[in-house]
Amino acid sequence: MDNNSIRGAYKRYAPVYDWVFGLVFRNGRRTALKTLEYEPGDQILEVGVGTGLSLPEFPSYTHITGIDLSQDMLDRAQKRVEKHGLTNTDLYCMDAMELDFPDNSFDKLIVLYVLSVVPDPYKLMKEIRRVAKPGADVIFVNHFAKENPLIRKFESSLSKYAAPLGFQPDFPMEPVLENVGMDVKTIKPVNLFGYWTMLHGKYLDEQ
């Protein structure tokens, strides 16, 4: 998939995203947010903020920066910011593989349902590591290819439809664990049937 395919997919999803995916992904989203221990003044980056479903759930004493490649999704996120009067939130249309932030900018980073969407997830992980402060918390929630051979075969058969689907259905976890560059604290199944996985870890003090 390329960025144009991603924009096209989420332009289609944007009007119905909250209704179709909001409930399905709610458990994973809330589990991720509750896993973090927030401190006053925390700078938090949410990559792939989408329609902003998570934004009202962050503590008011933190500052949230949300980015997304899809302006259609961000337009809905901005409406949510205004509806809830969220004065601690900034939104940007930005490519997650080329983050326009200085090194060591964020205390906590949340990446929900993004790794299997971007063209180069390893470049994304490198960028997230770059903008994280030493010792920062990071959470990934994503679908990863299953070990069950029947399920894995089915997921592989769907890979040719990655562009219209807007994500890669047979994305493996093992390379992520090898390349994410963090001390993994938790690996936990989330959402319906545990079909998605939450990875929580901390970056080492030095890059």
N, C-alpha and C. Protein backbone atom coordinates (compact mmCIF):
# COMPACT_ATOMS: atom_id res chain seq x y z
N MET A 1 0.83 -1.20 0.00
CA MET A 1 0.00 0.00 0.00
C MET A 1 0.87 1.25 0.00
N ASP A 2 0.36 2.31 -0.62
CA ASP A 2 1.05 3.59 -0.55
C ASP A 2 0.12 4.60 0.14
N ASN A 3 0.63 5.81 0.34
CA ASN A 3 -0.14 6.80 1.08
C ASN A 3 -1.43 7.19 0.37
N ASN A 4 -1.42 7.21 -0.96
CA ASN A 4 -2.64 7.54 -1.68
C ASN A 4 -3.72 6.49 -1.46
N SER A 5 -3.32 5.22 -1.42
CA SER A 5 -4.28 4.15 -1.14
C SER A 5 -4.87 4.30 0.26
N ILE A 6 -4.01 4.66 1.21
CA ILE A 6 -4.47 4.83 2.58
C ILE A 6 -5.45 5.99 2.68
N ARG A 7 -5.10 7.12 2.05
CA ARG A 7 -6.02 8.26 2.07
C ARG A 7 -7.36 7.90 1.45
N GLY A 8 -7.32 7.16 0.34
CA GLY A 8 -8.55 6.76 -0.33
C GLY A 8 -9.41 5.87 0.54
N ALA A 9 -8.78 4.90 1.21
CA ALA A 9 -9.52 3.98 2.08
C ALA A 9 -10.19 4.73 3.22
N TYR A 10 -9.46 5.64 3.85
CA TYR A 10 -10.02 6.33 5.02
C TYR A 10 -10.94 7.48 4.64
N LYS A 11 -10.86 7.92 3.41
CA LYS A 11 -11.88 8.85 2.92
C LYS A 11 -13.23 8.13 2.85
N ARG A 12 -13.19 6.86 2.45
CA ARG A 12 -14.42 6.05 2.42
C ARG A 12 -14.89 5.72 3.83
N TYR A 13 -13.95 5.42 4.71
CA TYR A 13 -14.32 5.01 6.07
C TYR A 13 -14.80 6.17 6.94
N ALA A 14 -14.28 7.38 6.69
CA ALA A 14 -14.49 8.49 7.61
C ALA A 14 -15.95 8.72 8.01
N PRO A 15 -16.91 8.75 7.06
CA PRO A 15 -18.30 9.04 7.46
C PRO A 15 -18.92 7.98 8.37
N VAL A 16 -18.41 6.75 8.32
CA VAL A 16 -19.03 5.67 9.09
C VAL A 16 -18.08 5.06 10.11
N TYR A 17 -16.89 5.62 10.24
CA TYR A 17 -15.86 4.98 11.07
C TYR A 17 -16.32 4.77 12.51
N ASP A 18 -16.88 5.81 13.11
CA ASP A 18 -17.27 5.70 14.52
C ASP A 18 -18.32 4.61 14.73
N TRP A 19 -19.24 4.48 13.79
CA TRP A 19 -20.31 3.49 13.91
C TRP A 19 -19.81 2.08 13.64
N VAL A 20 -18.95 1.93 12.64
CA VAL A 20 -18.50 0.60 12.24
C VAL A 20 -17.36 0.10 13.13
N PHE A 21 -16.38 0.97 13.41
CA PHE A 21 -15.18 0.53 14.11
C PHE A 21 -15.10 0.99 15.57
N GLY A 22 -15.86 2.03 15.91
CA GLY A 22 -15.76 2.58 17.26
C GLY A 22 -16.00 1.54 18.34
N LEU A 23 -17.07 0.77 18.21
CA LEU A 23 -17.40 -0.23 19.22
C LEU A 23 -16.44 -1.42 19.16
N VAL A 24 -16.11 -1.86 17.94
CA VAL A 24 -15.22 -3.02 17.77
C VAL A 24 -13.86 -2.76 18.41
N PHE A 25 -13.34 -1.55 18.26
CA PHE A 25 -12.00 -1.22 18.74
C PHE A 25 -11.99 -0.59 20.13
N ARG A 26 -13.16 -0.42 20.74
CA ARG A 26 -13.23 0.33 22.00
C ARG A 26 -12.44 -0.33 23.12
N ASN A 27 -12.54 -1.64 23.26
CA ASN A 27 -11.83 -2.33 24.33
C ASN A 27 -10.32 -2.12 24.23
N GLY A 28 -9.78 -2.27 23.03
CA GLY A 28 -8.35 -2.07 22.84
C GLY A 28 -7.92 -0.65 23.12
N ARG A 29 -8.74 0.29 22.68
CA ARG A 29 -8.43 1.71 22.90
C ARG A 29 -8.42 2.03 24.39
N ARG A 30 -9.45 1.61 25.10
CA ARG A 30 -9.55 1.92 26.53
C ARG A 30 -8.51 1.17 27.35
N THR A 31 -8.22 -0.07 26.96
CA THR A 31 -7.18 -0.82 27.66
C THR A 31 -5.84 -0.11 27.52
N ALA A 32 -5.55 0.38 26.33
CA ALA A 32 -4.30 1.11 26.09
C ALA A 32 -4.22 2.36 26.96
N LEU A 33 -5.29 3.13 26.99
CA LEU A 33 -5.26 4.39 27.74
C LEU A 33 -5.16 4.15 29.24
N LYS A 34 -5.80 3.09 29.73
CA LYS A 34 -5.77 2.79 31.17
C LYS A 34 -4.44 2.18 31.60
N THR A 35 -3.69 1.65 30.65
CA THR A 35 -2.40 1.03 30.98
C THR A 35 -1.37 2.08 31.38
N LEU A 36 -1.49 3.26 30.82
CA LEU A 36 -0.51 4.32 31.08
C LEU A 36 -0.75 4.99 32.43
N GLU A 37 0.34 5.37 33.08
CA GLU A 37 0.27 6.15 34.32
C GLU A 37 0.68 7.58 33.98
N TYR A 38 -0.29 8.48 34.03
CA TYR A 38 -0.08 9.84 33.55
C TYR A 38 0.48 10.74 34.66
N GLU A 39 1.30 11.69 34.22
CA GLU A 39 1.84 12.70 35.10
C GLU A 39 1.41 14.07 34.60
N PRO A 40 1.18 15.03 35.50
CA PRO A 40 0.83 16.38 35.06
C PRO A 40 1.88 16.93 34.08
N GLY A 41 1.40 17.47 32.99
CA GLY A 41 2.29 18.04 31.99
C GLY A 41 2.83 17.07 30.97
N ASP A 42 2.44 15.79 31.07
CA ASP A 42 2.89 14.81 30.08
C ASP A 42 2.58 15.27 28.67
N GLN A 43 3.56 15.15 27.79
CA GLN A 43 3.38 15.38 26.37
C GLN A 43 3.11 14.03 25.71
N ILE A 44 1.91 13.88 25.14
CA ILE A 44 1.47 12.59 24.60
C ILE A 44 1.26 12.72 23.10
N LEU A 45 1.79 11.78 22.35
CA LEU A 45 1.58 11.73 20.91
C LEU A 45 0.70 10.53 20.58
N GLU A 46 -0.42 10.80 19.91
CA GLU A 46 -1.24 9.70 19.38
C GLU A 46 -1.07 9.68 17.87
N VAL A 47 -0.49 8.60 17.38
CA VAL A 47 -0.25 8.42 15.95
C VAL A 47 -1.45 7.68 15.36
N GLY A 48 -2.03 8.25 14.29
CA GLY A 48 -3.24 7.67 13.73
C GLY A 48 -4.44 8.00 14.59
N VAL A 49 -4.59 9.27 14.94
CA VAL A 49 -5.65 9.69 15.86
C VAL A 49 -7.03 9.51 15.25
N GLY A 50 -7.12 9.43 13.92
CA GLY A 50 -8.39 9.15 13.26
C GLY A 50 -9.45 10.19 13.56
N THR A 51 -10.64 9.74 13.95
CA THR A 51 -11.75 10.65 14.26
C THR A 51 -11.69 11.15 15.70
N GLY A 52 -10.63 10.81 16.41
CA GLY A 52 -10.44 11.35 17.76
C GLY A 52 -11.23 10.66 18.85
N LEU A 53 -11.59 9.40 18.65
CA LEU A 53 -12.39 8.70 19.65
C LEU A 53 -11.72 8.68 21.03
N SER A 54 -10.41 8.62 21.07
CA SER A 54 -9.71 8.53 22.35
C SER A 54 -9.52 9.88 23.04
N LEU A 55 -9.63 10.97 22.31
CA LEU A 55 -9.21 12.27 22.83
C LEU A 55 -9.92 12.69 24.11
N PRO A 56 -11.23 12.51 24.25
CA PRO A 56 -11.89 12.93 25.50
C PRO A 56 -11.49 12.09 26.71
N GLU A 57 -10.82 10.96 26.49
CA GLU A 57 -10.50 10.06 27.59
C GLU A 57 -9.13 10.33 28.22
N PHE A 58 -8.35 11.21 27.63
CA PHE A 58 -7.06 11.56 28.23
C PHE A 58 -7.27 12.53 29.39
N PRO A 59 -6.42 12.48 30.42
CA PRO A 59 -6.53 13.43 31.52
C PRO A 59 -6.34 14.87 31.04
N SER A 60 -7.07 15.77 31.65
CA SER A 60 -7.02 17.18 31.24
C SER A 60 -5.68 17.83 31.58
N TYR A 61 -4.92 17.21 32.49
CA TYR A 61 -3.64 17.80 32.90
C TYR A 61 -2.48 17.34 32.02
N THR A 62 -2.78 16.66 30.93
CA THR A 62 -1.77 16.29 29.95
C THR A 62 -2.00 17.08 28.66
N HIS A 63 -1.02 17.04 27.77
CA HIS A 63 -1.19 17.69 26.46
C HIS A 63 -1.11 16.63 25.38
N ILE A 64 -2.11 16.62 24.50
CA ILE A 64 -2.21 15.60 23.47
C ILE A 64 -1.92 16.20 22.11
N THR A 65 -1.02 15.56 21.37
CA THR A 65 -0.78 15.87 19.97
C THR A 65 -1.25 14.68 19.16
N GLY A 66 -2.22 14.91 18.28
CA GLY A 66 -2.74 13.84 17.45
C GLY A 66 -2.40 14.07 15.99
N ILE A 67 -1.92 13.03 15.31
CA ILE A 67 -1.62 13.16 13.89
C ILE A 67 -2.35 12.07 13.11
N ASP A 68 -2.63 12.37 11.86
CA ASP A 68 -3.23 11.38 10.97
C ASP A 68 -2.93 11.78 9.53
N LEU A 69 -2.85 10.79 8.67
CA LEU A 69 -2.59 11.05 7.25
C LEU A 69 -3.84 11.52 6.53
N SER A 70 -5.01 11.18 7.08
CA SER A 70 -6.28 11.46 6.42
C SER A 70 -6.91 12.74 6.96
N GLN A 71 -7.02 13.75 6.11
CA GLN A 71 -7.67 14.99 6.52
C GLN A 71 -9.16 14.76 6.77
N ASP A 72 -9.77 13.83 6.05
CA ASP A 72 -11.19 13.52 6.26
C ASP A 72 -11.43 13.01 7.68
N MET A 73 -10.53 12.17 8.17
CA MET A 73 -10.64 11.68 9.55
C MET A 73 -10.37 12.81 10.54
N LEU A 74 -9.36 13.63 10.26
CA LEU A 74 -9.02 14.72 11.17
C LEU A 74 -10.13 15.76 11.28
N ASP A 75 -10.86 15.99 10.20
CA ASP A 75 -11.97 16.94 10.25
C ASP A 75 -12.98 16.50 11.31
N ARG A 76 -13.21 15.21 11.40
CA ARG A 76 -14.13 14.68 12.42
C ARG A 76 -13.52 14.74 13.81
N ALA A 77 -12.21 14.53 13.87
CA ALA A 77 -11.53 14.66 15.16
C ALA A 77 -11.61 16.10 15.68
N GLN A 78 -11.46 17.06 14.78
CA GLN A 78 -11.54 18.46 15.18
C GLN A 78 -12.93 18.80 15.72
N LYS A 79 -13.96 18.26 15.10
CA LYS A 79 -15.32 18.48 15.61
C LYS A 79 -15.48 17.90 17.01
N ARG A 80 -14.84 16.75 17.26
CA ARG A 80 -14.90 16.15 18.59
C ARG A 80 -14.16 17.02 19.61
N VAL A 81 -13.02 17.57 19.22
CA VAL A 81 -12.28 18.48 20.10
C VAL A 81 -13.15 19.67 20.49
N GLU A 82 -13.82 20.24 19.50
CA GLU A 82 -14.67 21.41 19.76
C GLU A 82 -15.89 21.03 20.60
N LYS A 83 -16.48 19.89 20.33
CA LYS A 83 -17.66 19.44 21.08
C LYS A 83 -17.35 19.27 22.56
N HIS A 84 -16.19 18.72 22.86
CA HIS A 84 -15.82 18.44 24.25
C HIS A 84 -15.00 19.57 24.89
N GLY A 85 -14.73 20.62 24.14
CA GLY A 85 -13.97 21.74 24.67
C GLY A 85 -12.57 21.36 25.13
N LEU A 86 -11.89 20.57 24.32
CA LEU A 86 -10.57 20.06 24.68
C LEU A 86 -9.50 21.10 24.35
N THR A 87 -9.07 21.82 25.36
CA THR A 87 -8.07 22.87 25.15
C THR A 87 -6.64 22.34 25.24
N ASN A 88 -6.51 21.06 25.54
CA ASN A 88 -5.17 20.46 25.70
C ASN A 88 -4.78 19.61 24.49
N THR A 89 -5.40 19.86 23.34
CA THR A 89 -5.22 18.98 22.18
C THR A 89 -4.87 19.77 20.93
N ASP A 90 -3.86 19.30 20.20
CA ASP A 90 -3.51 19.84 18.89
C ASP A 90 -3.54 18.71 17.87
N LEU A 91 -4.06 19.00 16.68
CA LEU A 91 -4.18 18.00 15.62
C LEU A 91 -3.42 18.45 14.38
N TYR A 92 -2.75 17.49 13.73
CA TYR A 92 -1.98 17.80 12.53
C TYR A 92 -2.17 16.71 11.49
N CYS A 93 -2.28 17.12 10.23
CA CYS A 93 -2.26 16.18 9.12
C CYS A 93 -0.79 15.91 8.81
N MET A 94 -0.35 14.67 9.02
CA MET A 94 1.08 14.38 8.97
C MET A 94 1.31 12.91 8.64
N ASP A 95 2.38 12.66 7.92
CA ASP A 95 2.81 11.30 7.61
C ASP A 95 3.58 10.74 8.81
N ALA A 96 3.10 9.63 9.36
CA ALA A 96 3.73 9.05 10.55
C ALA A 96 5.15 8.56 10.28
N MET A 97 5.49 8.34 9.02
CA MET A 97 6.83 7.90 8.69
C MET A 97 7.81 9.06 8.55
N GLU A 98 7.29 10.30 8.61
CA GLU A 98 8.13 11.49 8.53
C GLU A 98 7.58 12.52 9.52
N LEU A 99 7.75 12.25 10.78
CA LEU A 99 7.18 13.11 11.82
C LEU A 99 7.90 14.46 11.87
N ASP A 100 7.12 15.52 11.90
CA ASP A 100 7.67 16.87 11.90
C ASP A 100 7.79 17.39 13.33
N PHE A 101 8.50 16.63 14.16
CA PHE A 101 8.72 17.00 15.56
C PHE A 101 10.20 16.81 15.88
N PRO A 102 10.72 17.61 16.82
CA PRO A 102 12.12 17.43 17.22
C PRO A 102 12.33 16.09 17.95
N ASP A 103 13.58 15.68 18.03
CA ASP A 103 13.93 14.51 18.82
C ASP A 103 13.51 14.72 20.28
N ASN A 104 13.19 13.61 20.96
CA ASN A 104 12.94 13.64 22.41
C ASN A 104 11.82 14.61 22.81
N SER A 105 10.69 14.51 22.11
CA SER A 105 9.59 15.46 22.33
C SER A 105 8.49 14.95 23.25
N PHE A 106 8.29 13.62 23.33
CA PHE A 106 7.08 13.10 23.96
C PHE A 106 7.38 12.13 25.10
N ASP A 107 6.55 12.23 26.15
CA ASP A 107 6.67 11.34 27.31
C ASP A 107 5.96 10.01 27.09
N LYS A 108 4.88 10.05 26.32
CA LYS A 108 4.10 8.85 26.06
C LYS A 108 3.63 8.87 24.61
N LEU A 109 3.63 7.69 23.98
CA LEU A 109 3.27 7.58 22.57
C LEU A 109 2.30 6.42 22.40
N ILE A 110 1.22 6.68 21.70
CA ILE A 110 0.17 5.68 21.51
C ILE A 110 -0.06 5.51 20.02
N VAL A 111 0.02 4.27 19.57
CA VAL A 111 -0.09 3.96 18.14
C VAL A 111 -1.16 2.88 17.99
N LEU A 112 -2.38 3.29 17.69
CA LEU A 112 -3.51 2.37 17.66
C LEU A 112 -3.89 2.02 16.23
N TYR A 113 -3.78 0.74 15.88
CA TYR A 113 -4.26 0.23 14.60
C TYR A 113 -3.58 0.91 13.41
N VAL A 114 -2.27 1.11 13.52
CA VAL A 114 -1.53 1.84 12.49
C VAL A 114 -0.43 0.99 11.84
N LEU A 115 0.23 0.12 12.61
CA LEU A 115 1.39 -0.59 12.09
C LEU A 115 1.11 -1.34 10.80
N SER A 116 -0.05 -1.96 10.69
CA SER A 116 -0.37 -2.74 9.49
C SER A 116 -1.02 -1.89 8.40
N VAL A 117 -1.05 -0.58 8.61
CA VAL A 117 -1.64 0.34 7.63
C VAL A 117 -0.57 1.05 6.82
N VAL A 118 0.51 1.48 7.48
CA VAL A 118 1.52 2.30 6.79
C VAL A 118 2.35 1.46 5.82
N PRO A 119 2.88 2.10 4.76
CA PRO A 119 3.70 1.36 3.79
C PRO A 119 4.96 0.74 4.39
N ASP A 120 5.58 1.43 5.36
CA ASP A 120 6.83 0.94 5.95
C ASP A 120 6.74 1.03 7.48
N PRO A 121 6.24 -0.01 8.14
CA PRO A 121 6.07 0.05 9.59
C PRO A 121 7.38 0.20 10.35
N TYR A 122 8.49 -0.25 9.78
CA TYR A 122 9.77 -0.15 10.47
C TYR A 122 10.30 1.28 10.45
N LYS A 123 10.02 1.99 9.38
CA LYS A 123 10.35 3.41 9.33
C LYS A 123 9.50 4.18 10.34
N LEU A 124 8.24 3.79 10.45
CA LEU A 124 7.36 4.40 11.45
C LEU A 124 7.90 4.18 12.86
N MET A 125 8.29 2.95 13.17
CA MET A 125 8.80 2.65 14.51
C MET A 125 10.08 3.44 14.80
N LYS A 126 10.91 3.61 13.79
CA LYS A 126 12.14 4.39 13.96
C LYS A 126 11.82 5.85 14.26
N GLU A 127 10.83 6.40 13.58
CA GLU A 127 10.44 7.79 13.81
C GLU A 127 9.83 7.97 15.20
N ILE A 128 9.01 7.01 15.61
CA ILE A 128 8.42 7.10 16.94
C ILE A 128 9.51 7.07 18.01
N ARG A 129 10.48 6.21 17.80
CA ARG A 129 11.60 6.15 18.76
C ARG A 129 12.36 7.46 18.79
N ARG A 130 12.52 8.09 17.64
CA ARG A 130 13.27 9.34 17.57
C ARG A 130 12.62 10.45 18.38
N VAL A 131 11.29 10.56 18.30
CA VAL A 131 10.61 11.68 18.96
C VAL A 131 10.25 11.37 20.41
N ALA A 132 10.52 10.15 20.86
CA ALA A 132 10.24 9.78 22.25
C ALA A 132 11.36 10.26 23.17
N LYS A 133 10.97 10.73 24.35
CA LYS A 133 11.96 11.09 25.35
C LYS A 133 12.60 9.82 25.93
N PRO A 134 13.79 9.93 26.49
CA PRO A 134 14.39 8.77 27.15
C PRO A 134 13.46 8.21 28.23
N GLY A 135 13.23 6.91 28.21
CA GLY A 135 12.36 6.27 29.19
C GLY A 135 10.88 6.41 28.90
N ALA A 136 10.52 6.91 27.72
CA ALA A 136 9.11 7.13 27.39
C ALA A 136 8.34 5.81 27.31
N ASP A 137 7.05 5.89 27.66
CA ASP A 137 6.14 4.77 27.46
C ASP A 137 5.65 4.77 26.02
N VAL A 138 5.48 3.58 25.46
CA VAL A 138 4.89 3.47 24.12
C VAL A 138 3.93 2.29 24.12
N ILE A 139 2.79 2.49 23.46
CA ILE A 139 1.80 1.43 23.32
C ILE A 139 1.42 1.28 21.86
N PHE A 140 1.48 0.05 21.39
CA PHE A 140 0.97 -0.31 20.07
C PHE A 140 -0.24 -1.22 20.27
N VAL A 141 -1.31 -0.94 19.55
CA VAL A 141 -2.42 -1.89 19.45
C VAL A 141 -2.61 -2.18 17.98
N ASN A 142 -2.61 -3.46 17.63
CA ASN A 142 -2.67 -3.82 16.22
C ASN A 142 -3.13 -5.27 16.06
N HIS A 143 -3.61 -5.57 14.86
CA HIS A 143 -3.85 -6.96 14.51
C HIS A 143 -2.55 -7.53 13.96
N PHE A 144 -2.18 -8.70 14.45
CA PHE A 144 -1.01 -9.40 13.95
C PHE A 144 -1.43 -10.77 13.43
N ALA A 145 -0.70 -11.25 12.43
CA ALA A 145 -1.00 -12.56 11.85
C ALA A 145 -1.02 -13.63 12.93
N LYS A 146 -2.00 -14.51 12.86
CA LYS A 146 -2.17 -15.55 13.86
C LYS A 146 -1.31 -16.77 13.56
N GLU A 147 -0.97 -17.49 14.63
CA GLU A 147 -0.15 -18.69 14.48
C GLU A 147 -0.95 -19.87 13.95
N ASN A 148 -2.25 -19.89 14.22
CA ASN A 148 -3.10 -20.97 13.71
C ASN A 148 -2.97 -21.04 12.19
N PRO A 149 -2.55 -22.17 11.62
CA PRO A 149 -2.27 -22.24 10.18
C PRO A 149 -3.49 -21.96 9.31
N LEU A 150 -4.68 -22.35 9.75
CA LEU A 150 -5.88 -22.10 8.95
C LEU A 150 -6.19 -20.60 8.91
N ILE A 151 -6.11 -19.97 10.08
CA ILE A 151 -6.37 -18.53 10.13
C ILE A 151 -5.31 -17.77 9.35
N ARG A 152 -4.06 -18.20 9.50
CA ARG A 152 -2.97 -17.52 8.81
C ARG A 152 -3.12 -17.64 7.29
N LYS A 153 -3.58 -18.79 6.83
CA LYS A 153 -3.80 -18.98 5.40
C LYS A 153 -4.90 -18.05 4.90
N PHE A 154 -5.96 -17.93 5.70
CA PHE A 154 -7.06 -17.02 5.34
C PHE A 154 -6.57 -15.58 5.29
N GLU A 155 -5.79 -15.18 6.29
CA GLU A 155 -5.27 -13.82 6.32
C GLU A 155 -4.36 -13.56 5.13
N SER A 156 -3.55 -14.53 4.78
CA SER A 156 -2.66 -14.37 3.62
C SER A 156 -3.45 -14.20 2.34
N SER A 157 -4.59 -14.90 2.24
CA SER A 157 -5.41 -14.80 1.04
C SER A 157 -6.03 -13.42 0.90
N LEU A 158 -6.16 -12.70 2.02
CA LEU A 158 -6.73 -11.36 1.98
C LEU A 158 -5.69 -10.28 1.66
N SER A 159 -4.41 -10.65 1.68
CA SER A 159 -3.36 -9.64 1.54
C SER A 159 -3.43 -8.89 0.21
N LYS A 160 -3.94 -9.55 -0.83
CA LYS A 160 -4.05 -8.88 -2.13
C LYS A 160 -5.09 -7.77 -2.12
N TYR A 161 -5.93 -7.76 -1.09
CA TYR A 161 -6.95 -6.72 -0.97
C TYR A 161 -6.54 -5.64 0.03
N ALA A 162 -5.25 -5.58 0.36
CA ALA A 162 -4.78 -4.64 1.37
C ALA A 162 -5.13 -3.20 1.04
N ALA A 163 -4.97 -2.80 -0.22
CA ALA A 163 -5.23 -1.40 -0.59
C ALA A 163 -6.69 -1.00 -0.35
N PRO A 164 -7.69 -1.74 -0.87
CA PRO A 164 -9.07 -1.35 -0.59
C PRO A 164 -9.46 -1.51 0.87
N LEU A 165 -8.87 -2.49 1.57
CA LEU A 165 -9.17 -2.68 2.99
C LEU A 165 -8.59 -1.56 3.84
N GLY A 166 -7.44 -1.05 3.42
CA GLY A 166 -6.77 -0.01 4.19
C GLY A 166 -5.82 -0.53 5.24
N PHE A 167 -5.53 -1.83 5.24
CA PHE A 167 -4.55 -2.40 6.16
C PHE A 167 -4.04 -3.73 5.62
N GLN A 168 -2.92 -4.19 6.17
CA GLN A 168 -2.32 -5.45 5.76
C GLN A 168 -2.80 -6.56 6.71
N PRO A 169 -3.62 -7.51 6.25
CA PRO A 169 -4.23 -8.48 7.16
C PRO A 169 -3.30 -9.58 7.65
N ASP A 170 -2.13 -9.75 7.04
CA ASP A 170 -1.22 -10.82 7.47
C ASP A 170 0.10 -10.26 8.00
N PHE A 171 0.01 -9.21 8.79
CA PHE A 171 1.18 -8.53 9.33
C PHE A 171 1.71 -9.29 10.54
N PRO A 172 2.96 -9.76 10.53
CA PRO A 172 3.48 -10.59 11.63
C PRO A 172 3.97 -9.77 12.82
N MET A 173 3.87 -10.36 14.02
CA MET A 173 4.32 -9.67 15.22
C MET A 173 5.83 -9.78 15.44
N GLU A 174 6.43 -10.90 15.04
CA GLU A 174 7.82 -11.16 15.39
C GLU A 174 8.78 -10.06 14.95
N PRO A 175 8.70 -9.57 13.70
CA PRO A 175 9.62 -8.49 13.31
C PRO A 175 9.41 -7.21 14.12
N VAL A 176 8.18 -6.99 14.56
CA VAL A 176 7.91 -5.81 15.38
C VAL A 176 8.67 -5.91 16.70
N LEU A 177 8.57 -7.06 17.34
CA LEU A 177 9.26 -7.25 18.62
C LEU A 177 10.77 -7.12 18.46
N GLU A 178 11.28 -7.50 17.30
CA GLU A 178 12.72 -7.43 17.05
C GLU A 178 13.19 -6.02 16.72
N ASN A 179 12.29 -5.20 16.18
CA ASN A 179 12.71 -3.89 15.67
C ASN A 179 12.13 -2.70 16.42
N VAL A 180 11.21 -2.94 17.34
CA VAL A 180 10.53 -1.83 17.97
C VAL A 180 11.44 -1.02 18.90
N GLY A 181 12.53 -1.64 19.38
CA GLY A 181 13.50 -0.89 20.16
C GLY A 181 13.06 -0.51 21.55
N MET A 182 12.23 -1.34 22.18
CA MET A 182 11.77 -1.01 23.53
C MET A 182 11.80 -2.26 24.41
N ASP A 183 11.77 -2.01 25.70
CA ASP A 183 11.66 -3.08 26.68
C ASP A 183 10.18 -3.39 26.83
N VAL A 184 9.73 -4.51 26.27
CA VAL A 184 8.31 -4.84 26.26
C VAL A 184 7.88 -5.29 27.65
N LYS A 185 6.86 -4.61 28.20
CA LYS A 185 6.34 -4.92 29.53
C LYS A 185 5.10 -5.81 29.46
N THR A 186 4.26 -5.59 28.45
CA THR A 186 2.98 -6.30 28.39
C THR A 186 2.66 -6.67 26.95
N ILE A 187 2.22 -7.90 26.75
CA ILE A 187 1.62 -8.33 25.49
C ILE A 187 0.26 -8.91 25.85
N LYS A 188 -0.80 -8.26 25.38
CA LYS A 188 -2.14 -8.61 25.87
C LYS A 188 -3.14 -8.64 24.72
N PRO A 189 -3.95 -9.72 24.59
CA PRO A 189 -5.00 -9.73 23.58
C PRO A 189 -6.12 -8.77 23.96
N VAL A 190 -6.67 -8.08 22.97
CA VAL A 190 -7.75 -7.12 23.22
C VAL A 190 -8.81 -7.25 22.13
N ASN A 191 -9.93 -6.60 22.37
CA ASN A 191 -11.05 -6.54 21.44
C ASN A 191 -11.71 -7.91 21.25
N LEU A 192 -12.62 -7.97 20.32
CA LEU A 192 -13.44 -9.15 20.10
C LEU A 192 -12.59 -10.39 19.85
N PHE A 193 -12.82 -11.44 20.63
CA PHE A 193 -12.11 -12.72 20.52
C PHE A 193 -10.59 -12.58 20.72
N GLY A 194 -10.13 -11.45 21.25
CA GLY A 194 -8.70 -11.26 21.41
C GLY A 194 -7.95 -11.24 20.10
N TYR A 195 -8.63 -10.79 19.04
CA TYR A 195 -8.06 -10.87 17.70
C TYR A 195 -6.98 -9.81 17.46
N TRP A 196 -6.94 -8.80 18.32
CA TRP A 196 -5.93 -7.75 18.26
C TRP A 196 -5.02 -7.88 19.49
N THR A 197 -3.89 -7.22 19.44
CA THR A 197 -2.90 -7.34 20.52
C THR A 197 -2.40 -5.97 20.94
N MET A 198 -2.26 -5.78 22.26
CA MET A 198 -1.64 -4.58 22.79
C MET A 198 -0.21 -4.90 23.23
N LEU A 199 0.72 -4.09 22.76
CA LEU A 199 2.11 -4.16 23.20
C LEU A 199 2.42 -2.89 23.98
N HIS A 200 2.85 -3.04 25.22
CA HIS A 200 3.23 -1.88 26.03
C HIS A 200 4.68 -2.05 26.46
N GLY A 201 5.44 -1.00 26.29
CA GLY A 201 6.83 -1.07 26.71
C GLY A 201 7.40 0.30 27.02
N LYS A 202 8.66 0.31 27.40
CA LYS A 202 9.38 1.55 27.67
C LYS A 202 10.65 1.56 26.83
N TYR A 203 10.94 2.72 26.28
CA TYR A 203 12.20 2.87 25.58
C TYR A 203 13.33 2.96 26.59
N LEU A 204 14.48 2.48 26.19
CA LEU A 204 15.65 2.59 27.04
C LEU A 204 16.03 4.06 27.21
N ASP A 205 16.81 4.34 28.23
CA ASP A 205 17.16 5.74 28.54
C ASP A 205 17.91 6.41 27.41
N GLU A 206 18.65 5.63 26.63
CA GLU A 206 19.42 6.20 25.53
C GLU A 206 19.02 5.55 24.22
N GLN A 207 18.97 6.36 23.14
CA GLN A 207 18.64 5.82 21.82
C GLN A 207 19.86 5.11 21.24
